Amino acid sequence: MLIGGDFNNRAKQLLALLERMSENNPETKVPVEELVSHLDLDRIELKNLLEYLEGRQLIEIASIGGPFLYGHVKITEKGIIKAAKFK
């Protein structure tokens, strides 16, 4: 697992991508497979990033299953606000 700056940069990239893919709608379920196709992440790194972002209440795990453990995720209102700061 990456720790420190690299991990935080990956988390920011993931959150910003999720914001775009959800079109700033916290009700939109974004397939995790689509996130992976845009980012170069392995399964363990992705799992750690998603759990980190969920723990900070920036995303919500919407479904479990599929090749990446989680099937869909949703960005929260807090996540949208945080992602807007990265622009």
N, C-alpha and C. Protein backbone atom coordinates (compact mmCIF):
# COMPACT_ATOMS: atom_id res chain seq x y z
N MET A 1 0.84 -1.18 0.00
CA MET A 1 0.00 0.00 0.00
C MET A 1 0.88 1.24 0.00
N LEU A 2 0.51 2.20 -0.79
CA LEU A 2 1.23 3.47 -0.81
C LEU A 2 0.86 4.28 0.43
N ILE A 3 1.82 4.98 0.97
CA ILE A 3 1.58 5.80 2.16
C ILE A 3 2.08 7.20 1.86
N GLY A 4 1.39 8.18 2.40
CA GLY A 4 1.86 9.56 2.28
C GLY A 4 1.37 10.23 1.01
N GLY A 5 2.28 11.02 0.42
CA GLY A 5 1.94 11.86 -0.72
C GLY A 5 1.39 11.10 -1.92
N ASP A 6 2.02 9.98 -2.27
CA ASP A 6 1.54 9.20 -3.42
C ASP A 6 0.11 8.70 -3.19
N PHE A 7 -0.13 8.20 -2.00
CA PHE A 7 -1.47 7.69 -1.67
C PHE A 7 -2.49 8.82 -1.74
N ASN A 8 -2.16 9.97 -1.15
CA ASN A 8 -3.07 11.11 -1.17
C ASN A 8 -3.32 11.61 -2.60
N ASN A 9 -2.29 11.62 -3.43
CA ASN A 9 -2.47 12.03 -4.83
C ASN A 9 -3.40 11.08 -5.57
N ARG A 10 -3.25 9.80 -5.33
CA ARG A 10 -4.12 8.81 -5.96
C ARG A 10 -5.56 8.98 -5.48
N ALA A 11 -5.72 9.25 -4.19
CA ALA A 11 -7.06 9.46 -3.64
C ALA A 11 -7.71 10.69 -4.28
N LYS A 12 -6.94 11.74 -4.46
CA LYS A 12 -7.46 12.95 -5.11
C LYS A 12 -7.86 12.66 -6.55
N GLN A 13 -7.02 11.92 -7.27
CA GLN A 13 -7.33 11.56 -8.66
C GLN A 13 -8.62 10.76 -8.73
N LEU A 14 -8.74 9.80 -7.85
CA LEU A 14 -9.92 8.94 -7.83
C LEU A 14 -11.18 9.75 -7.51
N LEU A 15 -11.10 10.62 -6.52
CA LEU A 15 -12.25 11.44 -6.15
C LEU A 15 -12.63 12.40 -7.27
N ALA A 16 -11.66 13.02 -7.91
CA ALA A 16 -11.94 13.94 -9.02
C ALA A 16 -12.59 13.19 -10.19
N LEU A 17 -12.09 12.00 -10.49
CA LEU A 17 -12.68 11.20 -11.56
C LEU A 17 -14.10 10.80 -11.22
N LEU A 18 -14.32 10.41 -10.00
CA LEU A 18 -15.67 10.02 -9.56
C LEU A 18 -16.62 11.21 -9.66
N GLU A 19 -16.13 12.39 -9.32
CA GLU A 19 -16.96 13.60 -9.43
C GLU A 19 -17.40 13.81 -10.88
N ARG A 20 -16.45 13.69 -11.81
CA ARG A 20 -16.78 13.87 -13.24
C ARG A 20 -17.73 12.80 -13.74
N MET A 21 -17.44 11.54 -13.39
CA MET A 21 -18.26 10.44 -13.89
C MET A 21 -19.68 10.47 -13.33
N SER A 22 -19.83 11.00 -12.13
CA SER A 22 -21.17 11.07 -11.52
C SER A 22 -21.89 12.36 -11.90
N GLU A 23 -21.18 13.26 -12.60
CA GLU A 23 -21.73 14.56 -12.98
C GLU A 23 -22.26 15.31 -11.76
N ASN A 24 -21.49 15.26 -10.68
CA ASN A 24 -21.82 15.96 -9.42
C ASN A 24 -23.15 15.53 -8.83
N ASN A 25 -23.58 14.33 -9.11
CA ASN A 25 -24.85 13.82 -8.58
C ASN A 25 -24.55 12.72 -7.56
N PRO A 26 -24.83 12.96 -6.28
CA PRO A 26 -24.53 11.95 -5.26
C PRO A 26 -25.41 10.71 -5.35
N GLU A 27 -26.42 10.71 -6.18
CA GLU A 27 -27.27 9.53 -6.34
C GLU A 27 -26.80 8.60 -7.46
N THR A 28 -25.85 9.06 -8.27
CA THR A 28 -25.36 8.28 -9.40
C THR A 28 -24.41 7.19 -8.93
N LYS A 29 -24.71 5.96 -9.29
CA LYS A 29 -23.83 4.84 -8.99
C LYS A 29 -22.83 4.70 -10.14
N VAL A 30 -21.56 4.81 -9.81
CA VAL A 30 -20.50 4.70 -10.81
C VAL A 30 -19.87 3.32 -10.69
N PRO A 31 -19.82 2.56 -11.79
CA PRO A 31 -19.19 1.24 -11.75
C PRO A 31 -17.69 1.35 -11.45
N VAL A 32 -17.24 0.55 -10.52
CA VAL A 32 -15.83 0.56 -10.13
C VAL A 32 -14.96 0.15 -11.32
N GLU A 33 -15.44 -0.74 -12.16
CA GLU A 33 -14.68 -1.16 -13.34
C GLU A 33 -14.37 0.03 -14.25
N GLU A 34 -15.29 0.98 -14.36
CA GLU A 34 -15.04 2.17 -15.17
C GLU A 34 -13.97 3.06 -14.54
N LEU A 35 -13.98 3.15 -13.22
CA LEU A 35 -12.93 3.92 -12.54
C LEU A 35 -11.56 3.30 -12.82
N VAL A 36 -11.49 1.99 -12.73
CA VAL A 36 -10.23 1.28 -12.94
C VAL A 36 -9.73 1.45 -14.37
N SER A 37 -10.66 1.50 -15.32
CA SER A 37 -10.24 1.63 -16.72
C SER A 37 -9.59 2.99 -16.99
N HIS A 38 -9.86 3.98 -16.15
CA HIS A 38 -9.27 5.31 -16.31
C HIS A 38 -8.02 5.53 -15.46
N LEU A 39 -7.82 4.72 -14.45
CA LEU A 39 -6.68 4.86 -13.55
C LEU A 39 -5.86 3.58 -13.55
N ASP A 40 -4.58 3.70 -13.34
CA ASP A 40 -3.70 2.53 -13.30
C ASP A 40 -3.56 2.06 -11.85
N LEU A 41 -4.56 1.30 -11.39
CA LEU A 41 -4.59 0.82 -10.00
C LEU A 41 -4.73 -0.69 -9.97
N ASP A 42 -4.06 -1.33 -9.02
CA ASP A 42 -4.29 -2.75 -8.83
C ASP A 42 -5.43 -2.93 -7.82
N ARG A 43 -5.88 -4.15 -7.66
CA ARG A 43 -7.04 -4.42 -6.80
C ARG A 43 -6.84 -3.97 -5.36
N ILE A 44 -5.67 -4.27 -4.81
CA ILE A 44 -5.40 -3.94 -3.40
C ILE A 44 -5.36 -2.42 -3.21
N GLU A 45 -4.66 -1.73 -4.10
CA GLU A 45 -4.57 -0.28 -4.00
C GLU A 45 -5.96 0.36 -4.14
N LEU A 46 -6.74 -0.13 -5.08
CA LEU A 46 -8.09 0.41 -5.28
C LEU A 46 -8.94 0.18 -4.03
N LYS A 47 -8.89 -1.02 -3.48
CA LYS A 47 -9.66 -1.33 -2.27
C LYS A 47 -9.28 -0.39 -1.13
N ASN A 48 -7.98 -0.18 -0.94
CA ASN A 48 -7.51 0.70 0.12
C ASN A 48 -7.95 2.14 -0.10
N LEU A 49 -7.88 2.61 -1.33
CA LEU A 49 -8.31 3.97 -1.64
C LEU A 49 -9.81 4.15 -1.41
N LEU A 50 -10.60 3.20 -1.87
CA LEU A 50 -12.06 3.30 -1.69
C LEU A 50 -12.42 3.27 -0.21
N GLU A 51 -11.78 2.40 0.55
CA GLU A 51 -12.07 2.34 1.98
C GLU A 51 -11.62 3.62 2.70
N TYR A 52 -10.50 4.18 2.28
CA TYR A 52 -10.03 5.44 2.86
C TYR A 52 -11.03 6.56 2.58
N LEU A 53 -11.46 6.68 1.33
CA LEU A 53 -12.41 7.73 0.96
C LEU A 53 -13.76 7.53 1.64
N GLU A 54 -14.17 6.28 1.79
CA GLU A 54 -15.43 6.00 2.49
C GLU A 54 -15.30 6.38 3.97
N GLY A 55 -14.18 6.07 4.56
CA GLY A 55 -13.95 6.40 5.96
C GLY A 55 -13.97 7.90 6.22
N ARG A 56 -13.60 8.67 5.23
CA ARG A 56 -13.63 10.13 5.34
C ARG A 56 -14.98 10.70 4.90
N GLN A 57 -15.92 9.81 4.58
CA GLN A 57 -17.29 10.16 4.16
C GLN A 57 -17.32 10.96 2.86
N LEU A 58 -16.35 10.68 1.98
CA LEU A 58 -16.30 11.35 0.68
C LEU A 58 -16.99 10.53 -0.40
N ILE A 59 -17.09 9.22 -0.17
CA ILE A 59 -17.81 8.33 -1.08
C ILE A 59 -18.64 7.37 -0.25
N GLU A 60 -19.51 6.67 -0.95
CA GLU A 60 -20.32 5.61 -0.33
C GLU A 60 -20.22 4.39 -1.22
N ILE A 61 -19.94 3.24 -0.62
CA ILE A 61 -19.93 1.99 -1.36
C ILE A 61 -21.39 1.65 -1.63
N ALA A 62 -21.76 1.56 -2.91
CA ALA A 62 -23.16 1.34 -3.28
C ALA A 62 -23.48 -0.13 -3.54
N SER A 63 -22.49 -0.91 -3.96
CA SER A 63 -22.72 -2.34 -4.15
C SER A 63 -21.40 -3.08 -4.03
N ILE A 64 -21.51 -4.33 -3.64
CA ILE A 64 -20.33 -5.18 -3.47
C ILE A 64 -20.42 -6.30 -4.50
N GLY A 65 -19.27 -6.65 -5.03
CA GLY A 65 -19.21 -7.74 -5.99
C GLY A 65 -18.43 -7.34 -7.23
N GLY A 66 -18.10 -8.30 -8.02
CA GLY A 66 -17.35 -8.05 -9.24
C GLY A 66 -15.86 -8.26 -9.02
N PRO A 67 -15.09 -8.06 -10.07
CA PRO A 67 -13.66 -8.36 -10.01
C PRO A 67 -12.86 -7.45 -9.09
N PHE A 68 -13.42 -6.32 -8.67
CA PHE A 68 -12.69 -5.38 -7.84
C PHE A 68 -13.27 -5.27 -6.43
N LEU A 69 -13.97 -6.29 -5.98
CA LEU A 69 -14.60 -6.40 -4.67
C LEU A 69 -15.83 -5.51 -4.56
N TYR A 70 -15.68 -4.24 -4.94
CA TYR A 70 -16.82 -3.33 -4.91
C TYR A 70 -17.35 -3.16 -6.33
N GLY A 71 -18.66 -3.15 -6.46
CA GLY A 71 -19.26 -3.04 -7.79
C GLY A 71 -19.51 -1.61 -8.21
N HIS A 72 -20.10 -0.83 -7.30
CA HIS A 72 -20.44 0.56 -7.59
C HIS A 72 -20.14 1.43 -6.37
N VAL A 73 -19.81 2.69 -6.65
CA VAL A 73 -19.62 3.67 -5.59
C VAL A 73 -20.38 4.94 -5.96
N LYS A 74 -20.70 5.72 -4.94
CA LYS A 74 -21.35 7.01 -5.13
C LYS A 74 -20.53 8.07 -4.40
N ILE A 75 -20.43 9.23 -4.98
CA ILE A 75 -19.76 10.34 -4.31
C ILE A 75 -20.77 11.00 -3.39
N THR A 76 -20.32 11.47 -2.25
CA THR A 76 -21.21 12.15 -1.32
C THR A 76 -21.16 13.66 -1.58
N GLU A 77 -22.07 14.38 -0.95
CA GLU A 77 -22.05 15.85 -1.06
C GLU A 77 -20.70 16.39 -0.56
N LYS A 78 -20.22 15.82 0.53
CA LYS A 78 -18.93 16.21 1.08
C LYS A 78 -17.81 15.92 0.06
N GLY A 79 -17.92 14.80 -0.64
CA GLY A 79 -16.94 14.44 -1.65
C GLY A 79 -16.95 15.39 -2.84
N ILE A 80 -18.14 15.84 -3.23
CA ILE A 80 -18.26 16.79 -4.33
C ILE A 80 -17.58 18.10 -3.96
N ILE A 81 -17.81 18.56 -2.75
CA ILE A 81 -17.20 19.81 -2.28
C ILE A 81 -15.68 19.66 -2.24
N LYS A 82 -15.21 18.54 -1.73
CA LYS A 82 -13.77 18.30 -1.63
C LYS A 82 -13.13 18.21 -3.03
N ALA A 83 -13.77 17.51 -3.95
CA ALA A 83 -13.25 17.36 -5.31
C ALA A 83 -13.18 18.70 -6.03
N ALA A 84 -14.12 19.59 -5.75
CA ALA A 84 -14.13 20.91 -6.39
C ALA A 84 -12.89 21.72 -6.01
N LYS A 85 -12.32 21.44 -4.85
CA LYS A 85 -11.12 22.14 -4.40
C LYS A 85 -9.88 21.73 -5.19
N PHE A 86 -9.93 20.60 -5.88
CA PHE A 86 -8.79 20.10 -6.65
C PHE A 86 -8.67 20.76 -8.01
N LYS A 87 -9.68 21.51 -8.42
CA LYS A 87 -9.69 22.10 -9.77
C LYS A 87 -8.85 23.34 -9.84
